[in-house]
Amino acid sequence: MTTFLRGDFAHDLASDHRRLLSRCRQLEQALNSASLVDSQVHEELRRLEHELDEHFAEEERGGLFTRVLAECPHFSQKVDRLARQHREFRFAIRALKSTCRMACGDSGARDGWLAAFADFSRSFAEHERAEHELLLDATEQDLGSGD
């Protein structure tokens, strides 16, 4: 059995994914209910940005990507695509943070900003599912059940 299957790695990764997805959902609900003021939205996005940066850095340096590639180098295209998405998410959250004043107004800009955040949240959920599938594929290959 390979190192990425030992211990609590998969459990910890899944737990981290659930926590981040829950955070996005809670923030989206708060934004849609207009229960946050501009400074709160900015602070919540700053926190989310920080958590995403930490999560992505862990996956990229010694975490999921490194472990999968060590055992399944033929998954490099999948890993490269997911790593590119990390950069896109970092850019997107910074853009949302820089324009978050729109989330608190009553203008048409609010609806557009909320739609952009919903797109971000949906795309991030799809990304996390793809990472989970990558881990499952690598696990299945390691166990030989794909033979």
N, C-alpha and C. Protein backbone atom coordinates (compact mmCIF):
# COMPACT_ATOMS: atom_id res chain seq x y z
N MET A 1 0.85 -1.18 0.00
CA MET A 1 0.00 0.00 0.00
C MET A 1 0.89 1.24 0.00
N THR A 2 0.53 2.24 -0.79
CA THR A 2 1.37 3.43 -0.94
C THR A 2 1.18 4.40 0.21
N THR A 3 2.11 5.36 0.26
CA THR A 3 2.09 6.30 1.38
C THR A 3 0.86 7.18 1.40
N PHE A 4 0.28 7.50 0.24
CA PHE A 4 -0.88 8.38 0.30
C PHE A 4 -2.13 7.65 0.76
N LEU A 5 -2.06 6.35 0.89
CA LEU A 5 -3.19 5.59 1.40
C LEU A 5 -3.05 5.28 2.88
N ARG A 6 -1.87 5.47 3.42
CA ARG A 6 -1.64 5.17 4.83
C ARG A 6 -2.16 6.29 5.71
N GLY A 7 -2.51 5.92 6.91
CA GLY A 7 -2.91 6.92 7.90
C GLY A 7 -4.23 7.58 7.54
N ASP A 8 -4.31 8.84 7.92
CA ASP A 8 -5.56 9.56 7.79
C ASP A 8 -5.55 10.56 6.64
N PHE A 9 -4.61 10.39 5.69
CA PHE A 9 -4.48 11.38 4.62
C PHE A 9 -5.80 11.60 3.88
N ALA A 10 -6.42 10.53 3.38
CA ALA A 10 -7.65 10.67 2.60
C ALA A 10 -8.76 11.26 3.46
N HIS A 11 -8.85 10.82 4.70
CA HIS A 11 -9.88 11.35 5.60
C HIS A 11 -9.66 12.84 5.85
N ASP A 12 -8.42 13.23 6.10
CA ASP A 12 -8.10 14.64 6.36
C ASP A 12 -8.39 15.50 5.13
N LEU A 13 -8.05 14.98 3.96
CA LEU A 13 -8.31 15.72 2.72
C LEU A 13 -9.81 15.91 2.51
N ALA A 14 -10.58 14.85 2.69
CA ALA A 14 -12.03 14.94 2.53
C ALA A 14 -12.63 15.90 3.54
N SER A 15 -12.13 15.86 4.76
CA SER A 15 -12.61 16.76 5.80
C SER A 15 -12.31 18.22 5.45
N ASP A 16 -11.12 18.47 4.93
CA ASP A 16 -10.74 19.82 4.51
C ASP A 16 -11.63 20.30 3.37
N HIS A 17 -11.89 19.42 2.41
CA HIS A 17 -12.78 19.77 1.30
C HIS A 17 -14.17 20.10 1.81
N ARG A 18 -14.72 19.29 2.70
CA ARG A 18 -16.06 19.55 3.26
C ARG A 18 -16.10 20.89 3.99
N ARG A 19 -15.06 21.17 4.76
CA ARG A 19 -15.01 22.43 5.51
C ARG A 19 -15.00 23.63 4.57
N LEU A 20 -14.18 23.58 3.53
CA LEU A 20 -14.12 24.71 2.59
C LEU A 20 -15.42 24.87 1.81
N LEU A 21 -16.00 23.77 1.39
CA LEU A 21 -17.27 23.84 0.67
C LEU A 21 -18.38 24.38 1.56
N SER A 22 -18.39 23.97 2.81
CA SER A 22 -19.37 24.48 3.76
C SER A 22 -19.18 25.98 3.96
N ARG A 23 -17.94 26.40 4.06
CA ARG A 23 -17.65 27.84 4.23
C ARG A 23 -18.18 28.64 3.05
N CYS A 24 -17.97 28.13 1.84
CA CYS A 24 -18.48 28.81 0.64
C CYS A 24 -20.00 28.89 0.67
N ARG A 25 -20.66 27.78 1.02
CA ARG A 25 -22.13 27.76 1.07
C ARG A 25 -22.66 28.74 2.11
N GLN A 26 -22.04 28.75 3.29
CA GLN A 26 -22.49 29.67 4.35
C GLN A 26 -22.31 31.12 3.93
N LEU A 27 -21.19 31.41 3.31
CA LEU A 27 -20.95 32.78 2.85
C LEU A 27 -21.95 33.15 1.76
N GLU A 28 -22.21 32.25 0.85
CA GLU A 28 -23.19 32.51 -0.21
C GLU A 28 -24.57 32.77 0.38
N GLN A 29 -24.97 31.99 1.37
CA GLN A 29 -26.27 32.21 2.02
C GLN A 29 -26.32 33.57 2.70
N ALA A 30 -25.25 33.93 3.40
CA ALA A 30 -25.21 35.23 4.08
C ALA A 30 -25.25 36.37 3.06
N LEU A 31 -24.56 36.19 1.96
CA LEU A 31 -24.56 37.22 0.92
C LEU A 31 -25.95 37.38 0.31
N ASN A 32 -26.60 36.26 0.03
CA ASN A 32 -27.93 36.31 -0.57
C ASN A 32 -28.99 36.88 0.37
N SER A 33 -28.78 36.71 1.66
CA SER A 33 -29.74 37.24 2.62
C SER A 33 -29.45 38.70 2.96
N ALA A 34 -28.36 39.22 2.41
CA ALA A 34 -27.94 40.61 2.64
C ALA A 34 -27.73 40.89 4.12
N SER A 35 -27.25 39.87 4.85
CA SER A 35 -27.05 40.05 6.29
C SER A 35 -25.66 40.57 6.63
N LEU A 36 -24.82 40.78 5.63
CA LEU A 36 -23.47 41.26 5.87
C LEU A 36 -23.30 42.67 5.31
N VAL A 37 -22.52 43.47 6.02
CA VAL A 37 -22.17 44.79 5.51
C VAL A 37 -20.84 44.67 4.77
N ASP A 38 -20.49 45.72 4.04
CA ASP A 38 -19.32 45.73 3.18
C ASP A 38 -18.06 45.24 3.90
N SER A 39 -17.78 45.76 5.07
CA SER A 39 -16.56 45.37 5.79
C SER A 39 -16.60 43.89 6.18
N GLN A 40 -17.77 43.36 6.50
CA GLN A 40 -17.89 41.94 6.85
C GLN A 40 -17.66 41.07 5.62
N VAL A 41 -18.22 41.49 4.48
CA VAL A 41 -18.03 40.72 3.25
C VAL A 41 -16.54 40.66 2.91
N HIS A 42 -15.89 41.82 2.99
CA HIS A 42 -14.46 41.87 2.68
C HIS A 42 -13.67 40.96 3.62
N GLU A 43 -13.99 41.01 4.90
CA GLU A 43 -13.28 40.17 5.88
C GLU A 43 -13.54 38.69 5.64
N GLU A 44 -14.78 38.32 5.35
CA GLU A 44 -15.10 36.91 5.08
C GLU A 44 -14.38 36.42 3.83
N LEU A 45 -14.32 37.25 2.80
CA LEU A 45 -13.60 36.87 1.59
C LEU A 45 -12.10 36.79 1.84
N ARG A 46 -11.58 37.66 2.67
CA ARG A 46 -10.16 37.62 3.03
C ARG A 46 -9.85 36.30 3.75
N ARG A 47 -10.71 35.91 4.66
CA ARG A 47 -10.52 34.64 5.37
C ARG A 47 -10.59 33.45 4.42
N LEU A 48 -11.59 33.48 3.53
CA LEU A 48 -11.73 32.40 2.56
C LEU A 48 -10.49 32.34 1.66
N GLU A 49 -10.03 33.50 1.21
CA GLU A 49 -8.83 33.54 0.38
C GLU A 49 -7.64 32.91 1.11
N HIS A 50 -7.47 33.25 2.36
CA HIS A 50 -6.37 32.70 3.16
C HIS A 50 -6.50 31.18 3.29
N GLU A 51 -7.69 30.70 3.58
CA GLU A 51 -7.91 29.26 3.73
C GLU A 51 -7.67 28.52 2.42
N LEU A 52 -8.12 29.12 1.31
CA LEU A 52 -7.90 28.50 0.01
C LEU A 52 -6.40 28.46 -0.32
N ASP A 53 -5.70 29.57 -0.05
CA ASP A 53 -4.26 29.60 -0.30
C ASP A 53 -3.55 28.49 0.47
N GLU A 54 -3.89 28.33 1.75
CA GLU A 54 -3.27 27.27 2.56
C GLU A 54 -3.61 25.89 2.02
N HIS A 55 -4.87 25.69 1.69
CA HIS A 55 -5.34 24.40 1.17
C HIS A 55 -4.63 24.07 -0.14
N PHE A 56 -4.60 25.02 -1.06
CA PHE A 56 -3.97 24.78 -2.35
C PHE A 56 -2.47 24.53 -2.19
N ALA A 57 -1.81 25.31 -1.35
CA ALA A 57 -0.37 25.13 -1.13
C ALA A 57 -0.08 23.73 -0.60
N GLU A 58 -0.89 23.27 0.32
CA GLU A 58 -0.70 21.92 0.88
C GLU A 58 -0.85 20.86 -0.21
N GLU A 59 -1.85 21.00 -1.05
CA GLU A 59 -2.06 20.01 -2.11
C GLU A 59 -0.92 20.04 -3.13
N GLU A 60 -0.40 21.22 -3.40
CA GLU A 60 0.62 21.38 -4.43
C GLU A 60 2.01 20.98 -3.95
N ARG A 61 2.28 21.14 -2.66
CA ARG A 61 3.63 20.90 -2.14
C ARG A 61 3.60 19.81 -1.07
N GLY A 62 3.70 18.59 -1.51
CA GLY A 62 3.78 17.48 -0.57
C GLY A 62 2.45 16.83 -0.25
N GLY A 63 1.38 17.41 -0.70
CA GLY A 63 0.05 16.88 -0.41
C GLY A 63 -0.47 16.00 -1.53
N LEU A 64 -1.71 16.17 -1.84
CA LEU A 64 -2.40 15.31 -2.81
C LEU A 64 -1.64 15.17 -4.12
N PHE A 65 -1.28 16.29 -4.75
CA PHE A 65 -0.68 16.21 -6.07
C PHE A 65 0.66 15.47 -6.05
N THR A 66 1.48 15.80 -5.09
CA THR A 66 2.79 15.16 -4.98
C THR A 66 2.64 13.66 -4.73
N ARG A 67 1.74 13.32 -3.85
CA ARG A 67 1.56 11.90 -3.51
C ARG A 67 0.98 11.11 -4.67
N VAL A 68 0.00 11.69 -5.36
CA VAL A 68 -0.58 10.98 -6.49
C VAL A 68 0.46 10.81 -7.59
N LEU A 69 1.20 11.87 -7.91
CA LEU A 69 2.19 11.78 -8.98
C LEU A 69 3.32 10.81 -8.65
N ALA A 70 3.67 10.69 -7.38
CA ALA A 70 4.72 9.75 -6.98
C ALA A 70 4.30 8.31 -7.28
N GLU A 71 3.03 8.02 -7.15
CA GLU A 71 2.55 6.66 -7.37
C GLU A 71 1.93 6.44 -8.74
N CYS A 72 1.41 7.52 -9.33
CA CYS A 72 0.70 7.41 -10.61
C CYS A 72 1.12 8.57 -11.53
N PRO A 73 2.35 8.55 -12.02
CA PRO A 73 2.82 9.67 -12.82
C PRO A 73 2.00 9.90 -14.09
N HIS A 74 1.30 8.88 -14.56
CA HIS A 74 0.47 9.02 -15.75
C HIS A 74 -0.77 9.89 -15.49
N PHE A 75 -1.00 10.29 -14.24
CA PHE A 75 -2.08 11.22 -13.91
C PHE A 75 -1.63 12.67 -14.00
N SER A 76 -0.47 12.91 -14.60
CA SER A 76 0.10 14.27 -14.60
C SER A 76 -0.81 15.28 -15.29
N GLN A 77 -1.50 14.90 -16.34
CA GLN A 77 -2.40 15.86 -17.01
C GLN A 77 -3.55 16.26 -16.09
N LYS A 78 -4.10 15.31 -15.36
CA LYS A 78 -5.17 15.62 -14.42
C LYS A 78 -4.65 16.56 -13.33
N VAL A 79 -3.47 16.24 -12.81
CA VAL A 79 -2.89 17.07 -11.75
C VAL A 79 -2.59 18.47 -12.28
N ASP A 80 -2.04 18.57 -13.48
CA ASP A 80 -1.74 19.89 -14.07
C ASP A 80 -3.02 20.72 -14.24
N ARG A 81 -4.09 20.07 -14.68
CA ARG A 81 -5.36 20.79 -14.85
C ARG A 81 -5.88 21.30 -13.51
N LEU A 82 -5.81 20.47 -12.49
CA LEU A 82 -6.27 20.88 -11.16
C LEU A 82 -5.39 22.00 -10.59
N ALA A 83 -4.10 21.93 -10.81
CA ALA A 83 -3.19 22.99 -10.34
C ALA A 83 -3.47 24.31 -11.07
N ARG A 84 -3.77 24.24 -12.36
CA ARG A 84 -4.14 25.47 -13.10
C ARG A 84 -5.42 26.06 -12.51
N GLN A 85 -6.34 25.20 -12.14
CA GLN A 85 -7.57 25.69 -11.53
C GLN A 85 -7.28 26.38 -10.20
N HIS A 86 -6.31 25.91 -9.46
CA HIS A 86 -5.93 26.60 -8.22
C HIS A 86 -5.57 28.05 -8.52
N ARG A 87 -4.77 28.27 -9.55
CA ARG A 87 -4.40 29.64 -9.92
C ARG A 87 -5.63 30.45 -10.31
N GLU A 88 -6.54 29.83 -11.04
CA GLU A 88 -7.77 30.53 -11.45
C GLU A 88 -8.63 30.89 -10.25
N PHE A 89 -8.72 29.99 -9.28
CA PHE A 89 -9.50 30.28 -8.08
C PHE A 89 -8.86 31.38 -7.25
N ARG A 90 -7.55 31.38 -7.18
CA ARG A 90 -6.86 32.45 -6.45
C ARG A 90 -7.16 33.80 -7.10
N PHE A 91 -7.09 33.85 -8.42
CA PHE A 91 -7.38 35.08 -9.14
C PHE A 91 -8.84 35.49 -8.92
N ALA A 92 -9.75 34.54 -9.02
CA ALA A 92 -11.18 34.83 -8.89
C ALA A 92 -11.55 35.36 -7.50
N ILE A 93 -11.00 34.76 -6.46
CA ILE A 93 -11.35 35.21 -5.11
C ILE A 93 -10.79 36.61 -4.86
N ARG A 94 -9.62 36.90 -5.42
CA ARG A 94 -9.06 38.25 -5.27
C ARG A 94 -9.92 39.27 -6.01
N ALA A 95 -10.40 38.90 -7.18
CA ALA A 95 -11.27 39.80 -7.94
C ALA A 95 -12.58 40.03 -7.20
N LEU A 96 -13.16 38.98 -6.64
CA LEU A 96 -14.38 39.13 -5.86
C LEU A 96 -14.15 40.02 -4.65
N LYS A 97 -13.03 39.81 -3.99
CA LYS A 97 -12.71 40.61 -2.80
C LYS A 97 -12.55 42.09 -3.17
N SER A 98 -11.91 42.35 -4.30
CA SER A 98 -11.66 43.75 -4.69
C SER A 98 -12.94 44.47 -5.13
N THR A 99 -13.97 43.73 -5.46
CA THR A 99 -15.23 44.34 -5.90
C THR A 99 -16.39 44.05 -4.96
N CYS A 100 -16.09 43.63 -3.73
CA CYS A 100 -17.15 43.15 -2.83
C CYS A 100 -18.13 44.24 -2.40
N ARG A 101 -17.80 45.50 -2.59
CA ARG A 101 -18.77 46.56 -2.25
C ARG A 101 -20.08 46.37 -3.02
N MET A 102 -19.96 45.78 -4.20
CA MET A 102 -21.14 45.53 -5.02
C MET A 102 -22.10 44.55 -4.36
N ALA A 103 -21.59 43.70 -3.49
CA ALA A 103 -22.42 42.68 -2.85
C ALA A 103 -23.38 43.27 -1.83
N CYS A 104 -23.12 44.49 -1.40
CA CYS A 104 -23.90 45.06 -0.32
C CYS A 104 -24.84 46.17 -0.77
N GLY A 105 -24.81 46.52 -2.01
CA GLY A 105 -25.70 47.59 -2.50
C GLY A 105 -27.00 47.03 -3.02
N ASP A 106 -27.87 47.94 -3.42
CA ASP A 106 -29.17 47.53 -3.98
C ASP A 106 -29.21 47.70 -5.49
N SER A 107 -28.08 47.94 -6.08
CA SER A 107 -28.02 48.18 -7.52
C SER A 107 -28.04 46.86 -8.28
N GLY A 108 -28.14 46.98 -9.58
CA GLY A 108 -28.04 45.81 -10.45
C GLY A 108 -26.69 45.14 -10.35
N ALA A 109 -25.69 45.91 -9.92
CA ALA A 109 -24.35 45.34 -9.77
C ALA A 109 -24.34 44.26 -8.70
N ARG A 110 -25.18 44.39 -7.70
CA ARG A 110 -25.26 43.38 -6.64
C ARG A 110 -25.61 42.02 -7.21
N ASP A 111 -26.63 41.98 -8.06
CA ASP A 111 -27.05 40.71 -8.64
C ASP A 111 -25.93 40.08 -9.46
N GLY A 112 -25.22 40.90 -10.22
CA GLY A 112 -24.10 40.39 -11.02
C GLY A 112 -22.98 39.86 -10.14
N TRP A 113 -22.68 40.59 -9.06
CA TRP A 113 -21.62 40.16 -8.16
C TRP A 113 -22.01 38.85 -7.47
N LEU A 114 -23.26 38.78 -7.02
CA LEU A 114 -23.73 37.55 -6.37
C LEU A 114 -23.69 36.36 -7.33
N ALA A 115 -24.02 36.61 -8.59
CA ALA A 115 -23.95 35.55 -9.60
C ALA A 115 -22.50 35.11 -9.81
N ALA A 116 -21.57 36.07 -9.79
CA ALA A 116 -20.15 35.73 -9.94
C ALA A 116 -19.68 34.89 -8.75
N PHE A 117 -20.13 35.24 -7.54
CA PHE A 117 -19.73 34.45 -6.38
C PHE A 117 -20.36 33.05 -6.46
N ALA A 118 -21.61 32.96 -6.89
CA ALA A 118 -22.26 31.65 -7.02
C ALA A 118 -21.51 30.80 -8.05
N ASP A 119 -21.06 31.41 -9.15
CA ASP A 119 -20.27 30.67 -10.15
C ASP A 119 -18.96 30.18 -9.54
N PHE A 120 -18.31 31.06 -8.78
CA PHE A 120 -17.07 30.68 -8.10
C PHE A 120 -17.32 29.48 -7.18
N SER A 121 -18.35 29.57 -6.37
CA SER A 121 -18.67 28.52 -5.41
C SER A 121 -18.99 27.21 -6.12
N ARG A 122 -19.77 27.26 -7.18
CA ARG A 122 -20.13 26.06 -7.95
C ARG A 122 -18.89 25.44 -8.59
N SER A 123 -18.05 26.28 -9.20
CA SER A 123 -16.83 25.79 -9.84
C SER A 123 -15.88 25.17 -8.82
N PHE A 124 -15.80 25.79 -7.65
CA PHE A 124 -14.94 25.25 -6.60
C PHE A 124 -15.45 23.89 -6.14
N ALA A 125 -16.75 23.74 -6.01
CA ALA A 125 -17.33 22.44 -5.61
C ALA A 125 -17.00 21.37 -6.67
N GLU A 126 -17.09 21.73 -7.94
CA GLU A 126 -16.75 20.79 -9.01
C GLU A 126 -15.27 20.41 -8.94
N HIS A 127 -14.44 21.40 -8.66
CA HIS A 127 -13.00 21.17 -8.54
C HIS A 127 -12.70 20.20 -7.39
N GLU A 128 -13.32 20.41 -6.25
CA GLU A 128 -13.08 19.54 -5.10
C GLU A 128 -13.54 18.11 -5.40
N ARG A 129 -14.65 17.97 -6.14
CA ARG A 129 -15.10 16.63 -6.55
C ARG A 129 -14.06 15.98 -7.46
N ALA A 130 -13.48 16.77 -8.37
CA ALA A 130 -12.47 16.24 -9.28
C ALA A 130 -11.23 15.79 -8.51
N GLU A 131 -10.86 16.54 -7.48
CA GLU A 131 -9.72 16.12 -6.65
C GLU A 131 -10.03 14.82 -5.92
N HIS A 132 -11.24 14.72 -5.42
CA HIS A 132 -11.64 13.49 -4.73
C HIS A 132 -11.60 12.31 -5.70
N GLU A 133 -12.08 12.51 -6.90
CA GLU A 133 -12.05 11.45 -7.92
C GLU A 133 -10.61 11.07 -8.26
N LEU A 134 -9.71 12.05 -8.31
CA LEU A 134 -8.31 11.77 -8.56
C LEU A 134 -7.75 10.85 -7.48
N LEU A 135 -8.05 11.16 -6.25
CA LEU A 135 -7.59 10.32 -5.14
C LEU A 135 -8.19 8.92 -5.24
N LEU A 136 -9.48 8.83 -5.55
CA LEU A 136 -10.11 7.51 -5.70
C LEU A 136 -9.50 6.72 -6.84
N ASP A 137 -9.25 7.39 -7.97
CA ASP A 137 -8.62 6.70 -9.11
C ASP A 137 -7.23 6.19 -8.75
N ALA A 138 -6.46 7.02 -8.07
CA ALA A 138 -5.11 6.60 -7.67
C ALA A 138 -5.18 5.45 -6.67
N THR A 139 -6.14 5.52 -5.77
CA THR A 139 -6.31 4.45 -4.78
C THR A 139 -6.71 3.14 -5.46
N GLU A 140 -7.65 3.24 -6.39
CA GLU A 140 -8.09 2.05 -7.10
C GLU A 140 -6.93 1.42 -7.87
N GLN A 141 -6.15 2.24 -8.52
CA GLN A 141 -5.01 1.72 -9.28
C GLN A 141 -4.00 1.07 -8.34
N ASP A 142 -3.77 1.72 -7.21
CA ASP A 142 -2.81 1.19 -6.24
C ASP A 142 -3.24 -0.17 -5.72
N LEU A 143 -4.52 -0.30 -5.48
CA LEU A 143 -5.03 -1.57 -4.95
C LEU A 143 -5.17 -2.64 -6.02
N GLY A 144 -5.03 -2.22 -7.29
CA GLY A 144 -5.08 -3.18 -8.37
C GLY A 144 -6.47 -3.57 -8.79
N SER A 145 -7.49 -2.85 -8.28
CA SER A 145 -8.86 -3.23 -8.65
C SER A 145 -9.19 -2.82 -10.06
N GLY A 146 -8.35 -2.01 -10.68
CA GLY A 146 -8.58 -1.63 -12.06
C GLY A 146 -8.07 -2.66 -13.04
N ASP A 147 -7.45 -3.74 -12.55
CA ASP A 147 -6.90 -4.76 -13.45
C ASP A 147 -7.97 -5.58 -14.11
